[in-house]
C-alpha atoms as a PDB file:
ATOM      1  CA  MET A   1      -4.124 -88.853  -4.328  1.00  0.00           C
ATOM      2  CA  LEU A   2      -7.326 -89.426  -2.410  1.00  0.00           C
ATOM      3  CA  LEU A   3      -9.299 -89.678  -5.581  1.00  0.00           C
ATOM      4  CA  ARG A   4      -7.075 -92.396  -6.968  1.00  0.00           C
ATOM      5  CA  ALA A   5      -7.326 -94.305  -3.696  1.00  0.00           C
ATOM      6  CA  ARG A   6     -11.100 -94.203  -3.800  1.00  0.00           C
ATOM      7  CA  ASN A   7     -11.033 -95.491  -7.339  1.00  0.00           C
ATOM      8  CA  GLY A   8      -8.771 -98.346  -6.485  1.00  0.00           C
ATOM      9  CA  GLY A   9      -5.618 -96.662  -7.680  1.00  0.00           C
ATOM     10  CA  THR A  10      -6.680 -96.365 -11.257  1.00  0.00           C
ATOM     11  CA  CYS A  11      -7.526 -93.374 -13.400  1.00  0.00           C
ATOM     12  CA  TYR A  12     -10.053 -90.735 -12.643  1.00  0.00           C
ATOM     13  CA  THR A  13     -13.685 -91.253 -13.583  1.00  0.00           C
ATOM     14  CA  ASN A  14     -16.059 -88.684 -14.980  1.00  0.00           C
ATOM     15  CA  GLU A  15     -17.795 -88.499 -11.699  1.00  0.00           C
ATOM     16  CA  MET A  16     -14.508 -87.906  -9.948  1.00  0.00           C
ATOM     17  CA  TYR A  17     -13.575 -85.295 -12.550  1.00  0.00           C
ATOM     18  CA  ILE A  18     -16.893 -83.514 -12.031  1.00  0.00           C
ATOM     19  CA  GLN A  19     -16.442 -83.614  -8.244  1.00  0.00           C
ATOM     20  CA  ALA A  20     -12.921 -82.266  -8.573  1.00  0.00           C
ATOM     21  CA  GLU A  21     -14.112 -79.555 -10.946  1.00  0.00           C
ATOM     22  CA  GLU A  22     -16.940 -78.604  -8.532  1.00  0.00           C
ATOM     23  CA  MET A  23     -14.465 -78.474  -5.652  1.00  0.00           C
ATOM     24  CA  ILE A  24     -12.160 -76.288  -7.733  1.00  0.00           C
ATOM     25  CA  LYS A  25     -15.049 -74.031  -8.744  1.00  0.00           C
ATOM     26  CA  LYS A  26     -16.209 -73.866  -5.121  1.00  0.00           C
ATOM     27  CA  LYS A  27     -12.682 -73.033  -3.950  1.00  0.00           C
ATOM     28  CA  GLU A  28     -12.351 -70.557  -6.827  1.00  0.00           C
ATOM     29  CA  ALA A  29     -15.678 -68.954  -5.824  1.00  0.00           C
ATOM     30  CA  GLU A  30     -14.555 -68.726  -2.183  1.00  0.00           C
ATOM     31  CA  LEU A  31     -11.245 -67.201  -3.186  1.00  0.00           C
ATOM     32  CA  LEU A  32     -12.986 -64.817  -5.588  1.00  0.00           C
ATOM     33  CA  LYS A  33     -15.461 -63.848  -2.867  1.00  0.00           C
ATOM     34  CA  LYS A  34     -12.613 -63.346  -0.401  1.00  0.00           C
ATOM     35  CA  TYR A  35     -10.661 -61.334  -2.980  1.00  0.00           C
ATOM     36  CA  ASN A  36     -13.725 -59.194  -3.813  1.00  0.00           C
ATOM     37  CA  GLU A  37     -14.413 -58.608  -0.114  1.00  0.00           C
ATOM     38  CA  GLU A  38     -10.773 -57.634   0.435  1.00  0.00           C
ATOM     39  CA  LEU A  39     -10.929 -55.468  -2.655  1.00  0.00           C
ATOM     40  CA  GLU A  40     -14.120 -53.769  -1.385  1.00  0.00           C
ATOM     41  CA  ARG A  41     -12.558 -53.206   2.055  1.00  0.00           C
ATOM     42  CA  GLU A  42      -9.447 -51.721   0.414  1.00  0.00           C
ATOM     43  CA  LYS A  43     -11.605 -49.641  -1.921  1.00  0.00           C
ATOM     44  CA  LEU A  44     -13.689 -48.385   1.037  1.00  0.00           C
ATOM     45  CA  LYS A  45     -10.535 -47.650   3.024  1.00  0.00           C
ATOM     46  CA  LEU A  46      -9.034 -45.730   0.075  1.00  0.00           C
ATOM     47  CA  GLN A  47     -12.286 -43.861  -0.485  1.00  0.00           C
ATOM     48  CA  GLN A  48     -12.454 -42.895   3.210  1.00  0.00           C
ATOM     49  CA  GLN A  49      -8.806 -41.806   3.137  1.00  0.00           C
ATOM     50  CA  PHE A  50      -9.470 -39.813  -0.040  1.00  0.00           C
ATOM     51  CA  GLU A  51     -12.530 -38.124   1.494  1.00  0.00           C
ATOM     52  CA  GLU A  52     -10.597 -37.374   4.686  1.00  0.00           C
ATOM     53  CA  ASP A  53      -7.718 -35.914   2.655  1.00  0.00           C
ATOM     54  CA  MET A  54     -10.168 -33.847   0.599  1.00  0.00           C
ATOM     55  CA  ARG A  55     -11.821 -32.483   3.764  1.00  0.00           C
ATOM     56  CA  ARG A  56      -8.404 -31.635   5.217  1.00  0.00           C
ATOM     57  CA  ILE A  57      -7.281 -29.975   1.969  1.00  0.00           C
ATOM     58  CA  GLN A  58     -10.551 -28.051   1.691  1.00  0.00           C
ATOM     59  CA  LYS A  59     -10.204 -26.924   5.303  1.00  0.00           C
ATOM     60  CA  GLU A  60      -6.604 -25.808   4.657  1.00  0.00           C
ATOM     61  CA  MET A  61      -7.654 -24.048   1.454  1.00  0.00           C
ATOM     62  CA  LYS A  62     -10.473 -22.290   3.280  1.00  0.00           C
ATOM     63  CA  ALA A  63      -8.088 -21.177   6.036  1.00  0.00           C
ATOM     64  CA  THR A  64      -5.548 -19.997   3.450  1.00  0.00           C
ATOM     65  CA  GLU A  65      -8.261 -18.214   1.485  1.00  0.00           C
ATOM     66  CA  GLU A  66      -9.491 -16.488   4.663  1.00  0.00           C
ATOM     67  CA  GLU A  67      -5.952 -15.485   5.573  1.00  0.00           C
ATOM     68  CA  LEU A  68      -5.359 -14.111   2.079  1.00  0.00           C
ATOM     69  CA  ARG A  69      -8.664 -12.241   2.194  1.00  0.00           C
ATOM     70  CA  LYS A  70      -7.708 -10.672   5.530  1.00  0.00           C
ATOM     71  CA  ASP A  71      -4.252  -9.791   4.186  1.00  0.00           C
ATOM     72  CA  LEU A  72      -5.853  -8.191   1.141  1.00  0.00           C
ATOM     73  CA  GLU A  73      -8.289  -6.200   3.285  1.00  0.00           C
ATOM     74  CA  ARG A  74      -5.440  -5.079   5.560  1.00  0.00           C
ATOM     75  CA  TYR A  75      -3.330  -4.112   2.548  1.00  0.00           C
ATOM     76  CA  GLN A  76      -6.218  -2.177   0.986  1.00  0.00           C
ATOM     77  CA  GLN A  77      -6.898  -0.406   4.288  1.00  0.00           C
ATOM     78  CA  GLU A  78      -3.210   0.475   4.699  1.00  0.00           C
ATOM     79  CA  GLU A  79      -3.088   1.697   1.110  1.00  0.00           C
ATOM     80  CA  ALA A  80      -6.200   3.851   1.658  1.00  0.00           C
ATOM     81  CA  GLU A  81      -4.702   5.256   4.878  1.00  0.00           C
ATOM     82  CA  ALA A  82      -1.433   5.980   3.080  1.00  0.00           C
ATOM     83  CA  GLU A  83      -3.337   7.734   0.286  1.00  0.00           C
ATOM     84  CA  ASP A  84      -5.279   9.784   2.843  1.00  0.00           C
ATOM     85  CA  GLU A  85      -2.065  10.663   4.645  1.00  0.00           C
ATOM     86  CA  MET A  86      -0.395  11.619   1.359  1.00  0.00           C
ATOM     87  CA  LYS A  87      -3.389  13.777   0.424  1.00  0.00           C
ATOM     88  CA  GLU A  88      -3.278  15.449   3.822  1.00  0.00           C
ATOM     89  CA  LEU A  89       0.466  16.080   3.488  1.00  0.00           C
ATOM     90  CA  LYS A  90      -0.035  17.545   0.011  1.00  0.00           C
ATOM     91  CA  GLU A  91      -2.756  19.849   1.361  1.00  0.00           C
ATOM     92  CA  LYS A  92      -0.512  20.931   4.248  1.00  0.00           C
ATOM     93  CA  MET A  93       2.371  21.521   1.830  1.00  0.00           C
ATOM     94  CA  LYS A  94       0.109  23.560  -0.449  1.00  0.00           C
ATOM     95  CA  ALA A  95      -1.141  25.608   2.498  1.00  0.00           C
ATOM     96  CA  PHE A  96       2.437  26.111   3.720  1.00  0.00           C
ATOM     97  CA  LEU A  97       3.600  27.243   0.268  1.00  0.00           C
ATOM     98  CA  GLN A  98       0.632  29.611  -0.012  1.00  0.00           C
ATOM     99  CA  GLN A  99       1.442  31.003   3.434  1.00  0.00           C
ATOM    100  CA  GLN A 100       5.097  31.430   2.428  1.00  0.00           C
ATOM    101  CA  GLU A 101       4.055  33.177  -0.794  1.00  0.00           C
ATOM    102  CA  GLU A 102       1.683  35.454   1.143  1.00  0.00           C
ATOM    103  CA  MET A 103       4.407  36.265   3.667  1.00  0.00           C
ATOM    104  CA  LYS A 104       6.821  36.993   0.792  1.00  0.00           C
ATOM    105  CA  LYS A 105       4.286  39.355  -0.806  1.00  0.00           C
ATOM    106  CA  GLN A 106       3.647  41.092   2.509  1.00  0.00           C
ATOM    107  CA  LYS A 107       7.375  41.467   3.121  1.00  0.00           C
ATOM    108  CA  GLU A 108       7.924  42.859  -0.391  1.00  0.00           C
ATOM    109  CA  GLU A 109       5.020  45.289   0.099  1.00  0.00           C
ATOM    110  CA  GLU A 110       6.410  46.309   3.496  1.00  0.00           C
ATOM    111  CA  GLN A 111       9.876  46.836   2.000  1.00  0.00           C
ATOM    112  CA  LYS A 112       8.353  48.826  -0.863  1.00  0.00           C
ATOM    113  CA  ARG A 113       6.355  50.949   1.592  1.00  0.00           C
ATOM    114  CA  GLN A 114       9.456  51.493   3.739  1.00  0.00           C
ATOM    115  CA  LEU A 115      11.479  52.443   0.648  1.00  0.00           C
ATOM    116  CA  GLU A 116       8.784  54.937  -0.387  1.00  0.00           C
ATOM    117  CA  GLU A 117       8.769  56.378   3.140  1.00  0.00           C
ATOM    118  CA  TYR A 118      12.572  56.592   3.091  1.00  0.00           C
ATOM    119  CA  LYS A 119      12.516  58.356  -0.289  1.00  0.00           C
ATOM    120  CA  ALA A 120       9.805  60.760   0.936  1.00  0.00           C
ATOM    121  CA  LYS A 121      11.730  61.506   4.150  1.00  0.00           C
ATOM    122  CA  THR A 122      14.967  61.956   2.196  1.00  0.00           C
ATOM    123  CA  GLU A 123      13.189  64.320  -0.205  1.00  0.00           C
ATOM    124  CA  ARG A 124      11.638  66.283   2.678  1.00  0.00           C
ATOM    125  CA  ILE A 125      14.968  66.472   4.476  1.00  0.00           C
ATOM    126  CA  ARG A 126      16.665  67.627   1.296  1.00  0.00           C
ATOM    127  CA  TYR A 127      13.933  70.217   0.673  1.00  0.00           C
ATOM    128  CA  ASP A 128      14.060  71.375   4.282  1.00  0.00           C
ATOM    129  CA  ALA A 129      17.843  71.485   4.128  1.00  0.00           C
ATOM    130  CA  GLU A 130      17.779  73.390   0.855  1.00  0.00           C
ATOM    131  CA  ASP A 131      15.100  75.651   2.215  1.00  0.00           C
ATOM    132  CA  SER A 132      17.063  76.193   5.411  1.00  0.00           C
ATOM    133  CA  ILE A 133      20.329  76.775   3.569  1.00  0.00           C
ATOM    134  CA  GLY A 134      18.564  78.962   1.023  1.00  0.00           C
ATOM    135  CA  GLY A 135      16.855  80.914   3.801  1.00  0.00           C
ATOM    136  CA  VAL A 136      20.123  81.343   5.670  1.00  0.00           C
ATOM    137  CA  LEU A 137      21.912  82.300   2.453  1.00  0.00           C
ATOM    138  CA  TRP A 138      19.112  84.704   1.531  1.00  0.00           C
ATOM    139  CA  LYS A 139      19.247  86.347   4.924  1.00  0.00           C
ATOM    140  CA  PHE A 140      23.021  86.470   4.712  1.00  0.00           C
ATOM    141  CA  TRP A 141      22.747  87.957   1.204  1.00  0.00           C
ATOM    142  CA  ALA A 142      20.231  90.520   2.409  1.00  0.00           C
ATOM    143  CA  TRP A 143      22.397  91.443   5.349  1.00  0.00           C
ATOM    144  CA  LEU A 144      25.540  91.540   3.176  1.00  0.00           C
ATOM    145  CA  THR A 145      23.925  93.700   0.530  1.00  0.00           C
ATOM    146  CA  GLY A 146      22.591  95.937   3.271  1.00  0.00           C
ATOM    147  CA  ARG A 147      26.056  96.375   4.692  1.00  0.00           C
ATOM    148  CA  ILE A 148      27.632  96.866   1.334  1.00  0.00           C
ATOM    149  CA  GLY A 149      24.926  99.400   0.501  1.00  0.00           C
ATOM    150  CA  LYS A 150      25.765 101.314   3.658  1.00  0.00           C
ATOM    151  CA  TRP A 151      29.400 101.314   2.792  1.00  0.00           C
ATOM    152  CA  VAL A 152      28.813 102.312  -0.726  1.00  0.00           C
ATOM    153  CA  GLY A 153      26.148 104.772   0.148  1.00  0.00           C
ATOM    154  CA  TYR A 154      22.983 103.351  -1.263  1.00  0.00           C
END
């Protein structure tokens, strides 16, 4: 409207068109500059947020990795201790079984020895008893035959 007023209310002139086009280009350049600046600020803000998020994630990952490493070390240590304990228990069990076997052998040998002693004593008692009975019977026989011989006149 201002342009028409300056031209006396008639149509636009080339000069007016060029001025208008320059004003539009200037305004367009300002808006483009403003938009690019805003875009750069937004891009910078997003980049900073991204970098901050990456640092936070890396820190969390590092903490998680450290925690997992410690858990793994603890698990491996517990497993090694359990294996050592199991080995020790197996050794104790083996020693106990060997001791039991040794005690069993000793007991069997002792029982065998006692049985042999019992048999020997029984045999000696039987021999002594037979010898005693035989001796008594022999003496009785000698006495009896002596008496009978006296009666009969031998």
